Amino acid sequence: MTRAILILAAVLVSTQAQAGRCALLENGAIKEFRVFDGACPNNPAGKPQFKWLPAPLAAVPSYDSEAQVLSGPMHTIEPNQVTQSYSVRNKTAQELDADKVGRVNAIADAVIRALCNHENRIRTVEVKPALSLAQCRDAFKALLP
């Protein structure tokens, strides 16, 4: 079993090393990407609007998702290849604030669930029907100014 896994891994690594990612251009715009064994195919005969170019994958840069935003991949058509790139930028103050609001909302949701659970325990002791989560949310909304 282990030997079969090692052989499979070796085949995959060698296939990736030999494979070439190519972009098919139609009238100068990227139509699709394909992976071929070896180089890109020849351009289609009698169809000058189509052209194959090498399109190697770029490494995705590391970034801090709490403070930065990753954009991409972006593709640039050059005379002999299509390059792929990524960009990383710092989050704006508005994006950082929106992240905080999202976390506060998640905490509020957990608190409402816990309080609803607690209320239903009390209602069980009082022999009253349990409230649904939607009913608990409505009750909390009614308490807001």
C-alpha atoms as a PDB file:
ATOM      1  CA  MET A   1       0.000   0.000   0.000  1.00  0.00           C
ATOM      2  CA  THR A   2       2.759   2.453   0.985  1.00  0.00           C
ATOM      3  CA  ARG A   3       4.742   1.579  -2.140  1.00  0.00           C
ATOM      4  CA  ALA A   4       1.671   2.233  -4.324  1.00  0.00           C
ATOM      5  CA  ILE A   5       1.212   5.653  -2.725  1.00  0.00           C
ATOM      6  CA  LEU A   6       4.878   6.505  -3.299  1.00  0.00           C
ATOM      7  CA  ILE A   7       4.658   5.452  -6.951  1.00  0.00           C
ATOM      8  CA  LEU A   8       1.474   7.488  -7.414  1.00  0.00           C
ATOM      9  CA  ALA A   9       3.131  10.520  -5.803  1.00  0.00           C
ATOM     10  CA  ALA A  10       6.171  10.158  -8.074  1.00  0.00           C
ATOM     11  CA  VAL A  11       3.924   9.969 -11.145  1.00  0.00           C
ATOM     12  CA  LEU A  12       2.016  13.074 -10.068  1.00  0.00           C
ATOM     13  CA  VAL A  13       5.214  15.049  -9.416  1.00  0.00           C
ATOM     14  CA  SER A  14       6.736  14.039 -12.749  1.00  0.00           C
ATOM     15  CA  THR A  15       3.456  14.820 -14.563  1.00  0.00           C
ATOM     16  CA  GLN A  16       3.339  18.274 -13.008  1.00  0.00           C
ATOM     17  CA  ALA A  17       6.947  18.918 -13.966  1.00  0.00           C
ATOM     18  CA  GLN A  18       6.253  17.985 -17.600  1.00  0.00           C
ATOM     19  CA  ALA A  19       2.827  19.620 -17.847  1.00  0.00           C
ATOM     20  CA  GLY A  20       2.494  23.051 -19.383  1.00  0.00           C
ATOM     21  CA  ARG A  21      -0.342  25.433 -18.637  1.00  0.00           C
ATOM     22  CA  CYS A  22      -1.386  27.326 -21.739  1.00  0.00           C
ATOM     23  CA  ALA A  23      -3.835  30.090 -22.544  1.00  0.00           C
ATOM     24  CA  LEU A  24      -5.911  30.095 -25.688  1.00  0.00           C
ATOM     25  CA  LEU A  25      -6.337  33.633 -26.988  1.00  0.00           C
ATOM     26  CA  GLU A  26      -9.162  34.601 -29.298  1.00  0.00           C
ATOM     27  CA  ASN A  27      -8.733  37.989 -30.961  1.00  0.00           C
ATOM     28  CA  GLY A  28      -6.185  38.953 -28.305  1.00  0.00           C
ATOM     29  CA  ALA A  29      -8.389  38.069 -25.301  1.00  0.00           C
ATOM     30  CA  ILE A  30      -8.040  35.025 -23.043  1.00  0.00           C
ATOM     31  CA  LYS A  31     -10.674  32.453 -23.930  1.00  0.00           C
ATOM     32  CA  GLU A  32      -9.561  29.536 -21.730  1.00  0.00           C
ATOM     33  CA  PHE A  33      -6.675  27.850 -19.921  1.00  0.00           C
ATOM     34  CA  ARG A  34      -5.594  24.232 -20.435  1.00  0.00           C
ATOM     35  CA  VAL A  35      -2.817  22.008 -19.158  1.00  0.00           C
ATOM     36  CA  PHE A  36      -0.869  19.971 -21.713  1.00  0.00           C
ATOM     37  CA  ASP A  37       1.916  17.421 -21.438  1.00  0.00           C
ATOM     38  CA  GLY A  38       4.913  19.440 -22.537  1.00  0.00           C
ATOM     39  CA  ALA A  39       4.664  22.624 -24.565  1.00  0.00           C
ATOM     40  CA  CYS A  40       1.590  24.440 -25.819  1.00  0.00           C
ATOM     41  CA  PRO A  41       0.089  23.112 -29.065  1.00  0.00           C
ATOM     42  CA  ASN A  42       0.658  24.822 -32.379  1.00  0.00           C
ATOM     43  CA  ASN A  43      -1.693  27.631 -33.287  1.00  0.00           C
ATOM     44  CA  PRO A  44      -4.726  26.406 -35.264  1.00  0.00           C
ATOM     45  CA  ALA A  45      -4.057  26.525 -39.010  1.00  0.00           C
ATOM     46  CA  GLY A  46      -6.271  28.908 -40.938  1.00  0.00           C
ATOM     47  CA  LYS A  47      -7.582  30.539 -37.746  1.00  0.00           C
ATOM     48  CA  PRO A  48      -5.394  33.597 -37.110  1.00  0.00           C
ATOM     49  CA  GLN A  49      -7.763  34.841 -34.409  1.00  0.00           C
ATOM     50  CA  PHE A  50      -6.670  31.929 -32.163  1.00  0.00           C
ATOM     51  CA  LYS A  51      -3.251  31.673 -30.532  1.00  0.00           C
ATOM     52  CA  TRP A  52      -1.793  29.437 -27.796  1.00  0.00           C
ATOM     53  CA  LEU A  53       0.662  30.984 -25.308  1.00  0.00           C
ATOM     54  CA  PRO A  54       2.396  29.532 -22.252  1.00  0.00           C
ATOM     55  CA  ALA A  55       0.645  30.651 -19.057  1.00  0.00           C
ATOM     56  CA  PRO A  56       2.630  29.484 -16.020  1.00  0.00           C
ATOM     57  CA  LEU A  57       0.975  29.646 -12.619  1.00  0.00           C
ATOM     58  CA  ALA A  58       2.283  32.229 -10.162  1.00  0.00           C
ATOM     59  CA  ALA A  59       2.731  31.459  -6.489  1.00  0.00           C
ATOM     60  CA  VAL A  60       0.038  32.927  -4.258  1.00  0.00           C
ATOM     61  CA  PRO A  61       1.776  35.357  -1.886  1.00  0.00           C
ATOM     62  CA  SER A  62       1.406  34.954   1.847  1.00  0.00           C
ATOM     63  CA  TYR A  63      -0.618  37.646   3.598  1.00  0.00           C
ATOM     64  CA  ASP A  64      -2.370  38.416   6.886  1.00  0.00           C
ATOM     65  CA  SER A  65      -6.093  37.968   6.191  1.00  0.00           C
ATOM     66  CA  GLU A  66      -6.944  39.968   9.323  1.00  0.00           C
ATOM     67  CA  ALA A  67      -5.193  43.109   8.053  1.00  0.00           C
ATOM     68  CA  GLN A  68      -4.718  42.605   4.303  1.00  0.00           C
ATOM     69  CA  VAL A  69      -6.676  41.744   1.156  1.00  0.00           C
ATOM     70  CA  LEU A  70      -5.437  39.391  -1.573  1.00  0.00           C
ATOM     71  CA  SER A  71      -6.507  40.257  -5.129  1.00  0.00           C
ATOM     72  CA  GLY A  72      -6.096  38.072  -8.152  1.00  0.00           C
ATOM     73  CA  PRO A  73      -5.152  36.231 -10.079  1.00  0.00           C
ATOM     74  CA  MET A  74      -4.688  38.920 -12.707  1.00  0.00           C
ATOM     75  CA  HIS A  75      -3.508  37.897 -16.176  1.00  0.00           C
ATOM     76  CA  THR A  76      -1.330  40.005 -18.461  1.00  0.00           C
ATOM     77  CA  ILE A  77      -0.981  39.089 -22.112  1.00  0.00           C
ATOM     78  CA  GLU A  78       2.607  39.551 -23.260  1.00  0.00           C
ATOM     79  CA  PRO A  79       4.027  38.804 -26.736  1.00  0.00           C
ATOM     80  CA  ASN A  80       5.344  35.335 -25.761  1.00  0.00           C
ATOM     81  CA  GLN A  81       3.353  34.337 -22.683  1.00  0.00           C
ATOM     82  CA  VAL A  82       0.477  35.129 -20.359  1.00  0.00           C
ATOM     83  CA  THR A  83       1.677  36.069 -16.885  1.00  0.00           C
ATOM     84  CA  GLN A  84      -0.335  35.580 -13.749  1.00  0.00           C
ATOM     85  CA  SER A  85       0.056  37.828 -10.720  1.00  0.00           C
ATOM     86  CA  TYR A  86      -1.496  38.643  -7.374  1.00  0.00           C
ATOM     87  CA  SER A  87      -1.492  41.782  -5.281  1.00  0.00           C
ATOM     88  CA  VAL A  88      -1.771  42.314  -1.554  1.00  0.00           C
ATOM     89  CA  ARG A  89      -2.965  45.545   0.013  1.00  0.00           C
ATOM     90  CA  ASN A  90      -3.750  46.674   3.520  1.00  0.00           C
ATOM     91  CA  LYS A  91      -7.421  46.758   4.476  1.00  0.00           C
ATOM     92  CA  THR A  92      -9.073  50.172   4.652  1.00  0.00           C
ATOM     93  CA  ALA A  93     -10.445  51.524   7.916  1.00  0.00           C
ATOM     94  CA  GLN A  94     -13.955  50.756   6.633  1.00  0.00           C
ATOM     95  CA  GLU A  95     -13.037  47.117   5.879  1.00  0.00           C
ATOM     96  CA  LEU A  96     -11.442  46.685   9.308  1.00  0.00           C
ATOM     97  CA  ASP A  97     -14.574  48.177  10.912  1.00  0.00           C
ATOM     98  CA  ALA A  98     -16.834  45.872   8.878  1.00  0.00           C
ATOM     99  CA  ASP A  99     -14.790  42.881  10.078  1.00  0.00           C
ATOM    100  CA  LYS A 100     -15.293  43.992  13.675  1.00  0.00           C
ATOM    101  CA  VAL A 101     -19.038  44.443  13.134  1.00  0.00           C
ATOM    102  CA  GLY A 102     -19.195  40.928  11.715  1.00  0.00           C
ATOM    103  CA  ARG A 103     -17.421  39.506  14.752  1.00  0.00           C
ATOM    104  CA  VAL A 104     -19.689  41.454  17.135  1.00  0.00           C
ATOM    105  CA  ASN A 105     -22.744  40.139  15.273  1.00  0.00           C
ATOM    106  CA  ALA A 106     -21.425  36.584  15.606  1.00  0.00           C
ATOM    107  CA  ILE A 107     -20.936  37.104  19.349  1.00  0.00           C
ATOM    108  CA  ALA A 108     -24.413  38.647  19.678  1.00  0.00           C
ATOM    109  CA  ASP A 109     -25.899  35.653  17.850  1.00  0.00           C
ATOM    110  CA  ALA A 110     -24.155  33.248  20.243  1.00  0.00           C
ATOM    111  CA  VAL A 111     -25.372  35.241  23.260  1.00  0.00           C
ATOM    112  CA  ILE A 112     -28.964  35.258  21.952  1.00  0.00           C
ATOM    113  CA  ARG A 113     -28.789  31.486  21.434  1.00  0.00           C
ATOM    114  CA  ALA A 114     -27.438  30.952  24.960  1.00  0.00           C
ATOM    115  CA  LEU A 115     -30.061  33.225  26.526  1.00  0.00           C
ATOM    116  CA  CYS A 116     -32.817  31.535  24.528  1.00  0.00           C
ATOM    117  CA  ASN A 117     -31.604  28.158  25.751  1.00  0.00           C
ATOM    118  CA  HIS A 118     -31.580  29.492  29.323  1.00  0.00           C
ATOM    119  CA  GLU A 119     -35.095  30.952  28.922  1.00  0.00           C
ATOM    120  CA  ASN A 120     -36.381  27.623  27.624  1.00  0.00           C
ATOM    121  CA  ARG A 121     -34.945  25.820  30.655  1.00  0.00           C
ATOM    122  CA  ILE A 122     -36.854  28.186  32.915  1.00  0.00           C
ATOM    123  CA  ARG A 123     -40.003  27.732  30.823  1.00  0.00           C
ATOM    124  CA  THR A 124     -39.640  23.936  31.171  1.00  0.00           C
ATOM    125  CA  VAL A 125     -39.581  24.251  34.970  1.00  0.00           C
ATOM    126  CA  GLU A 126     -42.616  26.557  34.777  1.00  0.00           C
ATOM    127  CA  VAL A 127     -44.359  24.048  32.466  1.00  0.00           C
ATOM    128  CA  LYS A 128     -44.594  26.571  29.613  1.00  0.00           C
ATOM    129  CA  PRO A 129     -43.939  25.814  25.933  1.00  0.00           C
ATOM    130  CA  ALA A 130     -40.412  26.446  24.681  1.00  0.00           C
ATOM    131  CA  LEU A 131     -39.666  29.439  22.445  1.00  0.00           C
ATOM    132  CA  SER A 132     -38.139  29.019  19.013  1.00  0.00           C
ATOM    133  CA  LEU A 133     -34.927  30.854  18.193  1.00  0.00           C
ATOM    134  CA  ALA A 134     -36.948  33.180  15.933  1.00  0.00           C
ATOM    135  CA  GLN A 135     -39.277  34.021  18.837  1.00  0.00           C
ATOM    136  CA  CYS A 136     -36.279  34.747  21.055  1.00  0.00           C
ATOM    137  CA  ARG A 137     -34.778  37.044  18.390  1.00  0.00           C
ATOM    138  CA  ASP A 138     -38.098  38.881  18.099  1.00  0.00           C
ATOM    139  CA  ALA A 139     -38.204  39.309  21.868  1.00  0.00           C
ATOM    140  CA  PHE A 140     -34.685  40.768  21.884  1.00  0.00           C
ATOM    141  CA  LYS A 141     -35.574  43.103  18.987  1.00  0.00           C
ATOM    142  CA  ALA A 142     -38.537  44.358  20.989  1.00  0.00           C
ATOM    143  CA  LEU A 143     -36.172  45.263  23.844  1.00  0.00           C
ATOM    144  CA  LEU A 144     -33.974  47.454  21.633  1.00  0.00           C
ATOM    145  CA  PRO A 145     -34.602  51.221  21.815  1.00  0.00           C
END
